[in-house]
């Protein structure tokens, strides 16, 4: 992007950082880059360019979802996909878990968050904020 003089590395890093803390990081990043390149028009065009293709595909393919959901082949494939997703989530948890300093406090925060997640329907945002506050107070 620097070669095209769209953004400096610092501006790009700022845009990514801002995008990661807001809903829809990819849309936010595209909007930010569009704005930096061509102002409001660029922001609108970049956002539309990101939104339009999946929206059109969703509308077109939604007609086939009911048919596909009845297929025994699709049902069997989805069982495999679900198992793979669970495996990937577990692998991510192990990888992230290896980076924390294991202590009684971190284990307690983990267990409390884990059991609250199982028992109640609470937004992950609140769980993360609560764990952050607990970490701030207890560490």
C-alpha atoms as a PDB file:
ATOM      1  CA  UNK A   1       0.000   0.000   0.000  1.00  0.00           C
ATOM      2  CA  UNK A   2       2.934   2.298   0.587  1.00  0.00           C
ATOM      3  CA  UNK A   3       4.055   1.743  -3.021  1.00  0.00           C
ATOM      4  CA  UNK A   4       0.690   3.033  -4.216  1.00  0.00           C
ATOM      5  CA  UNK A   5       0.774   5.902  -1.689  1.00  0.00           C
ATOM      6  CA  UNK A   6      -2.574   4.833  -0.286  1.00  0.00           C
ATOM      7  CA  UNK A   7      -1.466   4.572   3.334  1.00  0.00           C
ATOM      8  CA  UNK A   8       1.673   4.656   5.373  1.00  0.00           C
ATOM      9  CA  UNK A   9       2.513   1.567   7.413  1.00  0.00           C
ATOM     10  CA  UNK A  10       1.493   3.446  10.559  1.00  0.00           C
ATOM     11  CA  UNK A  11      -1.878   4.447   9.088  1.00  0.00           C
ATOM     12  CA  UNK A  12      -2.501   0.874   7.962  1.00  0.00           C
ATOM     13  CA  UNK A  13      -1.612  -0.479  11.429  1.00  0.00           C
ATOM     14  CA  UNK A  14      -3.926   2.106  13.026  1.00  0.00           C
ATOM     15  CA  UNK A  15      -6.745   1.103  10.696  1.00  0.00           C
ATOM     16  CA  UNK A  16      -6.263  -2.580  11.469  1.00  0.00           C
ATOM     17  CA  UNK A  17      -6.147  -1.895  15.216  1.00  0.00           C
ATOM     18  CA  UNK A  18      -9.334   0.170  15.100  1.00  0.00           C
ATOM     19  CA  UNK A  19     -11.013  -2.401  12.872  1.00  0.00           C
ATOM     20  CA  UNK A  20     -10.200  -5.278  15.220  1.00  0.00           C
ATOM     21  CA  UNK A  21     -11.996  -3.698  18.182  1.00  0.00           C
ATOM     22  CA  UNK A  22     -15.198  -2.986  16.280  1.00  0.00           C
ATOM     23  CA  UNK A  23     -17.813  -5.231  14.680  1.00  0.00           C
ATOM     24  CA  UNK A  24     -16.938  -6.423  11.217  1.00  0.00           C
ATOM     25  CA  UNK A  25     -13.162  -5.891  11.118  1.00  0.00           C
ATOM     26  CA  UNK A  26     -12.913  -6.608   7.390  1.00  0.00           C
ATOM     27  CA  UNK A  27     -15.677  -4.138   6.528  1.00  0.00           C
ATOM     28  CA  UNK A  28     -14.207  -1.499   8.823  1.00  0.00           C
ATOM     29  CA  UNK A  29     -10.739  -1.960   7.352  1.00  0.00           C
ATOM     30  CA  UNK A  30     -12.071  -1.752   3.789  1.00  0.00           C
ATOM     31  CA  UNK A  31     -14.062   1.369   4.658  1.00  0.00           C
ATOM     32  CA  UNK A  32     -11.017   2.950   6.320  1.00  0.00           C
ATOM     33  CA  UNK A  33      -8.754   2.249   3.346  1.00  0.00           C
ATOM     34  CA  UNK A  34     -11.437   3.463   0.927  1.00  0.00           C
ATOM     35  CA  UNK A  35     -11.730   6.668   2.942  1.00  0.00           C
ATOM     36  CA  UNK A  36      -7.971   7.219   2.978  1.00  0.00           C
ATOM     37  CA  UNK A  37      -7.759   6.653  -0.792  1.00  0.00           C
ATOM     38  CA  UNK A  38     -10.825   8.584  -1.988  1.00  0.00           C
ATOM     39  CA  UNK A  39     -12.571  10.220   0.964  1.00  0.00           C
ATOM     40  CA  UNK A  40     -16.253   9.612   1.662  1.00  0.00           C
ATOM     41  CA  UNK A  41     -16.871   8.314  -1.864  1.00  0.00           C
ATOM     42  CA  UNK A  42     -14.053   5.785  -1.484  1.00  0.00           C
ATOM     43  CA  UNK A  43     -15.381   4.691   1.900  1.00  0.00           C
ATOM     44  CA  UNK A  44     -18.873   4.156   0.494  1.00  0.00           C
ATOM     45  CA  UNK A  45     -17.620   2.315  -2.589  1.00  0.00           C
ATOM     46  CA  UNK A  46     -15.276   0.091  -0.575  1.00  0.00           C
ATOM     47  CA  UNK A  47     -18.070  -0.768   1.852  1.00  0.00           C
ATOM     48  CA  UNK A  48     -20.497  -1.535  -0.979  1.00  0.00           C
ATOM     49  CA  UNK A  49     -17.851  -3.613  -2.750  1.00  0.00           C
ATOM     50  CA  UNK A  50     -17.404  -5.703   0.396  1.00  0.00           C
ATOM     51  CA  UNK A  51     -21.118  -5.986   1.190  1.00  0.00           C
ATOM     52  CA  UNK A  52     -22.769  -6.484  -2.202  1.00  0.00           C
ATOM     53  CA  UNK A  53     -21.287  -9.815  -3.421  1.00  0.00           C
ATOM     54  CA  UNK A  54     -22.053 -11.802  -0.247  1.00  0.00           C
ATOM     55  CA  UNK A  55     -25.491 -10.184   0.041  1.00  0.00           C
ATOM     56  CA  UNK A  56     -26.379 -11.135  -3.541  1.00  0.00           C
ATOM     57  CA  UNK A  57     -25.035 -14.673  -3.072  1.00  0.00           C
ATOM     58  CA  UNK A  58     -26.984 -15.050   0.162  1.00  0.00           C
ATOM     59  CA  UNK A  59     -30.231 -14.053  -1.513  1.00  0.00           C
ATOM     60  CA  UNK A  60     -29.617 -16.306  -4.515  1.00  0.00           C
ATOM     61  CA  UNK A  61     -28.435 -19.327  -2.541  1.00  0.00           C
ATOM     62  CA  UNK A  62     -31.046 -19.069   0.220  1.00  0.00           C
ATOM     63  CA  UNK A  63     -33.525 -20.761  -2.113  1.00  0.00           C
ATOM     64  CA  UNK A  64     -31.381 -23.883  -2.125  1.00  0.00           C
ATOM     65  CA  UNK A  65     -30.750 -24.052   1.619  1.00  0.00           C
ATOM     66  CA  UNK A  66     -34.042 -25.767   2.428  1.00  0.00           C
ATOM     67  CA  UNK A  67     -33.440 -28.330  -0.293  1.00  0.00           C
ATOM     68  CA  UNK A  68     -29.841 -28.931   0.781  1.00  0.00           C
ATOM     69  CA  UNK A  69     -30.779 -29.252   4.455  1.00  0.00           C
ATOM     70  CA  UNK A  70     -32.959 -32.236   3.586  1.00  0.00           C
ATOM     71  CA  UNK A  71     -30.127 -34.059   1.809  1.00  0.00           C
ATOM     72  CA  UNK A  72     -28.619 -36.986   3.712  1.00  0.00           C
ATOM     73  CA  UNK A  73     -25.282 -36.293   2.009  1.00  0.00           C
ATOM     74  CA  UNK A  74     -25.261 -32.691   3.250  1.00  0.00           C
ATOM     75  CA  UNK A  75     -26.329 -33.781   6.750  1.00  0.00           C
ATOM     76  CA  UNK A  76     -23.466 -36.282   6.887  1.00  0.00           C
ATOM     77  CA  UNK A  77     -20.973 -33.723   5.560  1.00  0.00           C
ATOM     78  CA  UNK A  78     -22.098 -31.180   8.161  1.00  0.00           C
ATOM     79  CA  UNK A  79     -21.413 -33.675  10.949  1.00  0.00           C
ATOM     80  CA  UNK A  80     -17.841 -33.878   9.683  1.00  0.00           C
ATOM     81  CA  UNK A  81     -17.586 -30.099   9.358  1.00  0.00           C
ATOM     82  CA  UNK A  82     -18.863 -29.591  12.920  1.00  0.00           C
ATOM     83  CA  UNK A  83     -16.310 -32.062  14.250  1.00  0.00           C
ATOM     84  CA  UNK A  84     -13.532 -30.274  12.352  1.00  0.00           C
ATOM     85  CA  UNK A  85     -14.633 -26.866  13.645  1.00  0.00           C
ATOM     86  CA  UNK A  86     -14.629 -28.153  17.225  1.00  0.00           C
ATOM     87  CA  UNK A  87     -11.132 -29.540  16.664  1.00  0.00           C
ATOM     88  CA  UNK A  88      -9.926 -26.224  15.257  1.00  0.00           C
ATOM     89  CA  UNK A  89     -11.425 -24.273  18.169  1.00  0.00           C
ATOM     90  CA  UNK A  90      -9.781 -26.660  20.625  1.00  0.00           C
ATOM     91  CA  UNK A  91      -6.415 -26.329  18.840  1.00  0.00           C
ATOM     92  CA  UNK A  92      -6.725 -22.536  19.006  1.00  0.00           C
ATOM     93  CA  UNK A  93      -7.567 -22.716  22.704  1.00  0.00           C
ATOM     94  CA  UNK A  94      -4.511 -24.885  23.372  1.00  0.00           C
ATOM     95  CA  UNK A  95      -2.271 -22.547  21.363  1.00  0.00           C
ATOM     96  CA  UNK A  96      -3.557 -19.451  23.157  1.00  0.00           C
ATOM     97  CA  UNK A  97      -3.478 -21.276  26.491  1.00  0.00           C
ATOM     98  CA  UNK A  98       0.224 -21.985  26.064  1.00  0.00           C
ATOM     99  CA  UNK A  99       0.948 -18.258  26.006  1.00  0.00           C
ATOM    100  CA  UNK A 100      -0.546 -17.464  29.413  1.00  0.00           C
ATOM    101  CA  UNK A 101       1.300 -17.736  32.655  1.00  0.00           C
ATOM    102  CA  UNK A 102      -0.335 -20.635  34.452  1.00  0.00           C
ATOM    103  CA  UNK A 103      -1.322 -19.638  37.963  1.00  0.00           C
ATOM    104  CA  UNK A 104      -4.111 -20.315  40.409  1.00  0.00           C
ATOM    105  CA  UNK A 105      -5.732 -17.003  39.456  1.00  0.00           C
ATOM    106  CA  UNK A 106      -5.668 -17.715  35.705  1.00  0.00           C
ATOM    107  CA  UNK A 107      -7.109 -21.206  36.279  1.00  0.00           C
ATOM    108  CA  UNK A 108      -9.900 -19.757  38.450  1.00  0.00           C
ATOM    109  CA  UNK A 109     -10.728 -17.094  35.831  1.00  0.00           C
ATOM    110  CA  UNK A 110     -10.755 -19.822  33.158  1.00  0.00           C
ATOM    111  CA  UNK A 111     -13.028 -22.129  35.174  1.00  0.00           C
ATOM    112  CA  UNK A 112     -15.465 -19.386  36.179  1.00  0.00           C
ATOM    113  CA  UNK A 113     -15.712 -18.176  32.574  1.00  0.00           C
ATOM    114  CA  UNK A 114     -16.058 -21.739  31.290  1.00  0.00           C
ATOM    115  CA  UNK A 115     -18.885 -22.660  33.666  1.00  0.00           C
ATOM    116  CA  UNK A 116     -20.719 -19.361  33.183  1.00  0.00           C
ATOM    117  CA  UNK A 117     -20.540 -19.958  29.413  1.00  0.00           C
ATOM    118  CA  UNK A 118     -22.051 -23.411  29.831  1.00  0.00           C
ATOM    119  CA  UNK A 119     -24.811 -22.455  32.255  1.00  0.00           C
ATOM    120  CA  UNK A 120     -25.925 -19.051  30.956  1.00  0.00           C
ATOM    121  CA  UNK A 121     -26.445 -17.400  27.602  1.00  0.00           C
ATOM    122  CA  UNK A 122     -24.142 -14.425  28.069  1.00  0.00           C
ATOM    123  CA  UNK A 123     -22.447 -12.496  25.298  1.00  0.00           C
ATOM    124  CA  UNK A 124     -18.746 -13.351  24.999  1.00  0.00           C
ATOM    125  CA  UNK A 125     -18.081  -9.615  25.122  1.00  0.00           C
ATOM    126  CA  UNK A 126     -19.283  -9.480  28.736  1.00  0.00           C
ATOM    127  CA  UNK A 127     -17.294 -12.576  29.655  1.00  0.00           C
ATOM    128  CA  UNK A 128     -14.119 -11.112  28.164  1.00  0.00           C
ATOM    129  CA  UNK A 129     -14.668  -7.765  29.888  1.00  0.00           C
ATOM    130  CA  UNK A 130     -15.358  -9.539  33.188  1.00  0.00           C
ATOM    131  CA  UNK A 131     -12.240 -11.674  32.833  1.00  0.00           C
ATOM    132  CA  UNK A 132     -10.213  -8.574  32.001  1.00  0.00           C
ATOM    133  CA  UNK A 133     -11.481  -6.769  35.081  1.00  0.00           C
ATOM    134  CA  UNK A 134     -10.799  -9.839  37.227  1.00  0.00           C
ATOM    135  CA  UNK A 135      -7.294 -10.092  35.797  1.00  0.00           C
ATOM    136  CA  UNK A 136      -6.666  -6.408  36.430  1.00  0.00           C
ATOM    137  CA  UNK A 137      -7.796  -6.702  40.048  1.00  0.00           C
ATOM    138  CA  UNK A 138      -6.246 -10.078  40.865  1.00  0.00           C
ATOM    139  CA  UNK A 139      -2.931  -9.794  39.043  1.00  0.00           C
END
